[in-house]
Amino acid sequence: MHDDAVAIQTRLLQAMSAERKLEIAAQLRETAWALKAMGIRMVDSGLAEDEVQTRVRQIFVNARS
């Protein structure tokens, strides 16, 4: 089953335009950013929004793939 899913996903990605792949990547980044900011707010609810965004930015800058 896993191999079938990978094959289907591979075919879908190959058929997708570069522009669409970039759109999806941008959406994923926005979602990751929003989730990380939400987590920071939950841990430290007293932070001002600019500090939350600064912390998220630092996390993304220091991230390794």
PDB file of N, CA and C in Angstrom:
ATOM      1  N   MET A   1       0.830  -1.201   0.000  1.00  0.00           N
ATOM      2  CA  MET A   1       0.000   0.000   0.000  1.00  0.00           C
ATOM      3  C   MET A   1       0.864   1.249   0.000  1.00  0.00           C
ATOM      4  N   HIS A   2       1.897   1.263   0.838  1.00  0.00           N
ATOM      5  CA  HIS A   2       2.770   2.425   0.925  1.00  0.00           C
ATOM      6  C   HIS A   2       3.412   2.730  -0.431  1.00  0.00           C
ATOM      7  N   ASP A   3       3.898   1.704  -1.113  1.00  0.00           N
ATOM      8  CA  ASP A   3       4.539   1.900  -2.415  1.00  0.00           C
ATOM      9  C   ASP A   3       3.561   2.482  -3.426  1.00  0.00           C
ATOM     10  N   ASP A   4       2.314   2.041  -3.381  1.00  0.00           N
ATOM     11  CA  ASP A   4       1.300   2.584  -4.282  1.00  0.00           C
ATOM     12  C   ASP A   4       1.070   4.064  -4.008  1.00  0.00           C
ATOM     13  N   ALA A   5       0.987   4.434  -2.755  1.00  0.00           N
ATOM     14  CA  ALA A   5       0.766   5.833  -2.391  1.00  0.00           C
ATOM     15  C   ALA A   5       1.934   6.700  -2.852  1.00  0.00           C
ATOM     16  N   VAL A   6       3.144   6.212  -2.686  1.00  0.00           N
ATOM     17  CA  VAL A   6       4.328   6.954  -3.110  1.00  0.00           C
ATOM     18  C   VAL A   6       4.322   7.114  -4.627  1.00  0.00           C
ATOM     19  N   ALA A   7       3.964   6.076  -5.332  1.00  0.00           N
ATOM     20  CA  ALA A   7       3.919   6.143  -6.792  1.00  0.00           C
ATOM     21  C   ALA A   7       2.884   7.159  -7.266  1.00  0.00           C
ATOM     22  N   ILE A   8       1.731   7.175  -6.630  1.00  0.00           N
ATOM     23  CA  ILE A   8       0.680   8.129  -6.996  1.00  0.00           C
ATOM     24  C   ILE A   8       1.147   9.550  -6.702  1.00  0.00           C
ATOM     25  N   GLN A   9       1.720   9.741  -5.530  1.00  0.00           N
ATOM     26  CA  GLN A   9       2.204  11.067  -5.163  1.00  0.00           C
ATOM     27  C   GLN A   9       3.290  11.533  -6.135  1.00  0.00           C
ATOM     28  N   THR A  10       4.180  10.654  -6.513  1.00  0.00           N
ATOM     29  CA  THR A  10       5.242  10.992  -7.456  1.00  0.00           C
ATOM     30  C   THR A  10       4.665  11.425  -8.793  1.00  0.00           C
ATOM     31  N   ARG A  11       3.687  10.673  -9.299  1.00  0.00           N
ATOM     32  CA  ARG A  11       3.055  11.031 -10.579  1.00  0.00           C
ATOM     33  C   ARG A  11       2.365  12.387 -10.493  1.00  0.00           C
ATOM     34  N   LEU A  12       1.677  12.647  -9.375  1.00  0.00           N
ATOM     35  CA  LEU A  12       0.993  13.929  -9.210  1.00  0.00           C
ATOM     36  C   LEU A  12       1.992  15.089  -9.188  1.00  0.00           C
ATOM     37  N   LEU A  13       3.080  14.915  -8.469  1.00  0.00           N
ATOM     38  CA  LEU A  13       4.090  15.971  -8.397  1.00  0.00           C
ATOM     39  C   LEU A  13       4.762  16.203  -9.750  1.00  0.00           C
ATOM     40  N   GLN A  14       5.014  15.144 -10.490  1.00  0.00           N
ATOM     41  CA  GLN A  14       5.635  15.288 -11.798  1.00  0.00           C
ATOM     42  C   GLN A  14       4.716  16.011 -12.777  1.00  0.00           C
ATOM     43  N   ALA A  15       3.416  15.811 -12.637  1.00  0.00           N
ATOM     44  CA  ALA A  15       2.454  16.438 -13.531  1.00  0.00           C
ATOM     45  C   ALA A  15       2.194  17.904 -13.177  1.00  0.00           C
ATOM     46  N   MET A  16       2.572  18.301 -11.984  1.00  0.00           N
ATOM     47  CA  MET A  16       2.292  19.646 -11.494  1.00  0.00           C
ATOM     48  C   MET A  16       3.286  20.650 -12.081  1.00  0.00           C
ATOM     49  N   SER A  17       2.792  21.829 -12.397  1.00  0.00           N
ATOM     50  CA  SER A  17       3.670  22.874 -12.917  1.00  0.00           C
ATOM     51  C   SER A  17       4.581  23.396 -11.801  1.00  0.00           C
ATOM     52  N   ALA A  18       5.690  23.985 -12.217  1.00  0.00           N
ATOM     53  CA  ALA A  18       6.615  24.572 -11.240  1.00  0.00           C
ATOM     54  C   ALA A  18       5.914  25.675 -10.461  1.00  0.00           C
ATOM     55  N   GLU A  19       5.080  26.452 -11.143  1.00  0.00           N
ATOM     56  CA  GLU A  19       4.353  27.531 -10.468  1.00  0.00           C
ATOM     57  C   GLU A  19       3.456  26.974  -9.368  1.00  0.00           C
ATOM     58  N   ARG A  20       2.747  25.879  -9.646  1.00  0.00           N
ATOM     59  CA  ARG A  20       1.857  25.284  -8.646  1.00  0.00           C
ATOM     60  C   ARG A  20       2.649  24.730  -7.474  1.00  0.00           C
ATOM     61  N   LYS A  21       3.800  24.125  -7.747  1.00  0.00           N
ATOM     62  CA  LYS A  21       4.650  23.608  -6.674  1.00  0.00           C
ATOM     63  C   LYS A  21       5.113  24.750  -5.766  1.00  0.00           C
ATOM     64  N   LEU A  22       5.461  25.892  -6.359  1.00  0.00           N
ATOM     65  CA  LEU A  22       5.872  27.045  -5.557  1.00  0.00           C
ATOM     66  C   LEU A  22       4.715  27.579  -4.727  1.00  0.00           C
ATOM     67  N   GLU A  23       3.509  27.597  -5.292  1.00  0.00           N
ATOM     68  CA  GLU A  23       2.333  28.030  -4.538  1.00  0.00           C
ATOM     69  C   GLU A  23       2.103  27.142  -3.321  1.00  0.00           C
ATOM     70  N   ILE A  24       2.219  25.846  -3.516  1.00  0.00           N
ATOM     71  CA  ILE A  24       2.023  24.901  -2.412  1.00  0.00           C
ATOM     72  C   ILE A  24       3.114  25.080  -1.362  1.00  0.00           C
ATOM     73  N   ALA A  25       4.349  25.263  -1.809  1.00  0.00           N
ATOM     74  CA  ALA A  25       5.447  25.475  -0.862  1.00  0.00           C
ATOM     75  C   ALA A  25       5.206  26.739  -0.033  1.00  0.00           C
ATOM     76  N   ALA A  26       4.731  27.801  -0.668  1.00  0.00           N
ATOM     77  CA  ALA A  26       4.448  29.043   0.044  1.00  0.00           C
ATOM     78  C   ALA A  26       3.322  28.843   1.056  1.00  0.00           C
ATOM     79  N   GLN A  27       2.298  28.104   0.671  1.00  0.00           N
ATOM     80  CA  GLN A  27       1.195  27.818   1.594  1.00  0.00           C
ATOM     81  C   GLN A  27       1.678  27.007   2.791  1.00  0.00           C
ATOM     82  N   LEU A  28       2.524  26.019   2.545  1.00  0.00           N
ATOM     83  CA  LEU A  28       3.067  25.211   3.638  1.00  0.00           C
ATOM     84  C   LEU A  28       3.909  26.054   4.589  1.00  0.00           C
ATOM     85  N   ARG A  29       4.694  26.978   4.038  1.00  0.00           N
ATOM     86  CA  ARG A  29       5.513  27.852   4.870  1.00  0.00           C
ATOM     87  C   ARG A  29       4.613  28.750   5.721  1.00  0.00           C
ATOM     88  N   GLU A  30       3.586  29.320   5.122  1.00  0.00           N
ATOM     89  CA  GLU A  30       2.664  30.173   5.874  1.00  0.00           C
ATOM     90  C   GLU A  30       1.987  29.395   7.003  1.00  0.00           C
ATOM     91  N   THR A  31       1.599  28.164   6.715  1.00  0.00           N
ATOM     92  CA  THR A  31       0.959  27.331   7.731  1.00  0.00           C
ATOM     93  C   THR A  31       1.935  27.010   8.857  1.00  0.00           C
ATOM     94  N   ALA A  32       3.161  26.648   8.501  1.00  0.00           N
ATOM     95  CA  ALA A  32       4.176  26.346   9.514  1.00  0.00           C
ATOM     96  C   ALA A  32       4.453  27.570  10.381  1.00  0.00           C
ATOM     97  N   TRP A  33       4.531  28.743   9.752  1.00  0.00           N
ATOM     98  CA  TRP A  33       4.780  29.986  10.488  1.00  0.00           C
ATOM     99  C   TRP A  33       3.655  30.248  11.484  1.00  0.00           C
ATOM    100  N   ALA A  34       2.411  30.120  11.005  1.00  0.00           N
ATOM    101  CA  ALA A  34       1.249  30.381  11.862  1.00  0.00           C
ATOM    102  C   ALA A  34       1.192  29.400  13.030  1.00  0.00           C
ATOM    103  N   LEU A  35       1.484  28.137  12.773  1.00  0.00           N
ATOM    104  CA  LEU A  35       1.472  27.136  13.841  1.00  0.00           C
ATOM    105  C   LEU A  35       2.564  27.397  14.872  1.00  0.00           C
ATOM    106  N   LYS A  36       3.741  27.772  14.402  1.00  0.00           N
ATOM    107  CA  LYS A  36       4.841  28.064  15.322  1.00  0.00           C
ATOM    108  C   LYS A  36       4.499  29.287  16.172  1.00  0.00           C
ATOM    109  N   ALA A  37       3.929  30.322  15.554  1.00  0.00           N
ATOM    110  CA  ALA A  37       3.536  31.520  16.298  1.00  0.00           C
ATOM    111  C   ALA A  37       2.479  31.169  17.341  1.00  0.00           C
ATOM    112  N   MET A  38       1.535  30.327  16.977  1.00  0.00           N
ATOM    113  CA  MET A  38       0.494  29.909  17.916  1.00  0.00           C
ATOM    114  C   MET A  38       1.115  29.179  19.103  1.00  0.00           C
ATOM    115  N   GLY A  39       2.070  28.320  18.835  1.00  0.00           N
ATOM    116  CA  GLY A  39       2.743  27.599  19.913  1.00  0.00           C
ATOM    117  C   GLY A  39       3.490  28.532  20.840  1.00  0.00           C
ATOM    118  N   ILE A  40       4.159  29.524  20.284  1.00  0.00           N
ATOM    119  CA  ILE A  40       4.885  30.491  21.109  1.00  0.00           C
ATOM    120  C   ILE A  40       3.911  31.274  21.976  1.00  0.00           C
ATOM    121  N   ARG A  41       2.782  31.681  21.392  1.00  0.00           N
ATOM    122  CA  ARG A  41       1.777  32.421  22.167  1.00  0.00           C
ATOM    123  C   ARG A  41       1.222  31.569  23.306  1.00  0.00           C
ATOM    124  N   MET A  42       1.064  30.264  23.069  1.00  0.00           N
ATOM    125  CA  MET A  42       0.530  29.385  24.105  1.00  0.00           C
ATOM    126  C   MET A  42       1.512  29.244  25.264  1.00  0.00           C
ATOM    127  N   VAL A  43       2.788  29.167  24.953  1.00  0.00           N
ATOM    128  CA  VAL A  43       3.813  29.001  25.978  1.00  0.00           C
ATOM    129  C   VAL A  43       4.046  30.296  26.740  1.00  0.00           C
ATOM    130  N   ASP A  44       4.023  31.417  26.027  1.00  0.00           N
ATOM    131  CA  ASP A  44       4.312  32.709  26.651  1.00  0.00           C
ATOM    132  C   ASP A  44       3.255  33.723  26.216  1.00  0.00           C
ATOM    133  N   SER A  45       2.102  33.665  26.871  1.00  0.00           N
ATOM    134  CA  SER A  45       0.957  34.470  26.459  1.00  0.00           C
ATOM    135  C   SER A  45       1.143  35.966  26.683  1.00  0.00           C
ATOM    136  N   GLY A  46       2.151  36.368  27.414  1.00  0.00           N
ATOM    137  CA  GLY A  46       2.371  37.775  27.682  1.00  0.00           C
ATOM    138  C   GLY A  46       3.181  38.515  26.636  1.00  0.00           C
ATOM    139  N   LEU A  47       3.650  37.789  25.617  1.00  0.00           N
ATOM    140  CA  LEU A  47       4.490  38.431  24.607  1.00  0.00           C
ATOM    141  C   LEU A  47       3.679  39.340  23.692  1.00  0.00           C
ATOM    142  N   ALA A  48       4.281  40.452  23.326  1.00  0.00           N
ATOM    143  CA  ALA A  48       3.695  41.322  22.313  1.00  0.00           C
ATOM    144  C   ALA A  48       3.824  40.611  20.958  1.00  0.00           C
ATOM    145  N   GLU A  49       2.951  40.947  20.041  1.00  0.00           N
ATOM    146  CA  GLU A  49       2.941  40.278  18.729  1.00  0.00           C
ATOM    147  C   GLU A  49       4.258  40.450  17.981  1.00  0.00           C
ATOM    148  N   ASP A  50       4.876  41.608  18.088  1.00  0.00           N
ATOM    149  CA  ASP A  50       6.147  41.786  17.387  1.00  0.00           C
ATOM    150  C   ASP A  50       7.226  40.858  17.941  1.00  0.00           C
ATOM    151  N   GLU A  51       7.184  40.588  19.241  1.00  0.00           N
ATOM    152  CA  GLU A  51       8.147  39.650  19.839  1.00  0.00           C
ATOM    153  C   GLU A  51       7.856  38.218  19.394  1.00  0.00           C
ATOM    154  N   VAL A  52       6.586  37.867  19.284  1.00  0.00           N
ATOM    155  CA  VAL A  52       6.215  36.542  18.774  1.00  0.00           C
ATOM    156  C   VAL A  52       6.786  36.368  17.370  1.00  0.00           C
ATOM    157  N   GLN A  53       6.581  37.361  16.518  1.00  0.00           N
ATOM    158  CA  GLN A  53       7.056  37.273  15.136  1.00  0.00           C
ATOM    159  C   GLN A  53       8.579  37.241  15.068  1.00  0.00           C
ATOM    160  N   THR A  54       9.231  37.963  15.956  1.00  0.00           N
ATOM    161  CA  THR A  54      10.696  37.935  16.004  1.00  0.00           C
ATOM    162  C   THR A  54      11.184  36.547  16.379  1.00  0.00           C
ATOM    163  N   ARG A  55      10.546  35.938  17.369  1.00  0.00           N
ATOM    164  CA  ARG A  55      10.945  34.576  17.775  1.00  0.00           C
ATOM    165  C   ARG A  55      10.708  33.569  16.659  1.00  0.00           C
ATOM    166  N   VAL A  56       9.574  33.681  15.985  1.00  0.00           N
ATOM    167  CA  VAL A  56       9.296  32.764  14.872  1.00  0.00           C
ATOM    168  C   VAL A  56      10.354  32.942  13.781  1.00  0.00           C
ATOM    169  N   ARG A  57      10.668  34.182  13.467  1.00  0.00           N
ATOM    170  CA  ARG A  57      11.676  34.463  12.438  1.00  0.00           C
ATOM    171  C   ARG A  57      13.007  33.827  12.797  1.00  0.00           C
ATOM    172  N   GLN A  58      13.417  33.979  14.062  1.00  0.00           N
ATOM    173  CA  GLN A  58      14.681  33.386  14.508  1.00  0.00           C
ATOM    174  C   GLN A  58      14.652  31.863  14.400  1.00  0.00           C
ATOM    175  N   ILE A  59      13.537  31.263  14.753  1.00  0.00           N
ATOM    176  CA  ILE A  59      13.414  29.813  14.651  1.00  0.00           C
ATOM    177  C   ILE A  59      13.564  29.356  13.211  1.00  0.00           C
ATOM    178  N   PHE A  60      12.924  30.075  12.291  1.00  0.00           N
ATOM    179  CA  PHE A  60      13.010  29.702  10.882  1.00  0.00           C
ATOM    180  C   PHE A  60      14.399  29.953  10.325  1.00  0.00           C
ATOM    181  N   VAL A  61      15.038  31.043  10.748  1.00  0.00           N
ATOM    182  CA  VAL A  61      16.397  31.341  10.269  1.00  0.00           C
ATOM    183  C   VAL A  61      17.365  30.256  10.711  1.00  0.00           C
ATOM    184  N   ASN A  62      17.188  29.758  11.930  1.00  0.00           N
ATOM    185  CA  ASN A  62      18.108  28.763  12.472  1.00  0.00           C
ATOM    186  C   ASN A  62      17.718  27.321  12.160  1.00  0.00           C
ATOM    187  N   ALA A  63      16.612  27.143  11.466  1.00  0.00           N
ATOM    188  CA  ALA A  63      16.136  25.785  11.166  1.00  0.00           C
ATOM    189  C   ALA A  63      17.059  25.071  10.182  1.00  0.00           C
ATOM    190  N   ARG A  64      17.119  23.799  10.340  1.00  0.00           N
ATOM    191  CA  ARG A  64      17.888  22.948   9.424  1.00  0.00           C
ATOM    192  C   ARG A  64      16.926  21.969   8.777  1.00  0.00           C
ATOM    193  N   SER A  65      17.163  21.698   7.508  1.00  0.00           N
ATOM    194  CA  SER A  65      16.262  20.754   6.833  1.00  0.00           C
ATOM    195  C   SER A  65      16.861  19.376   6.755  1.00  0.00           C
TER     196      SER A  65
END
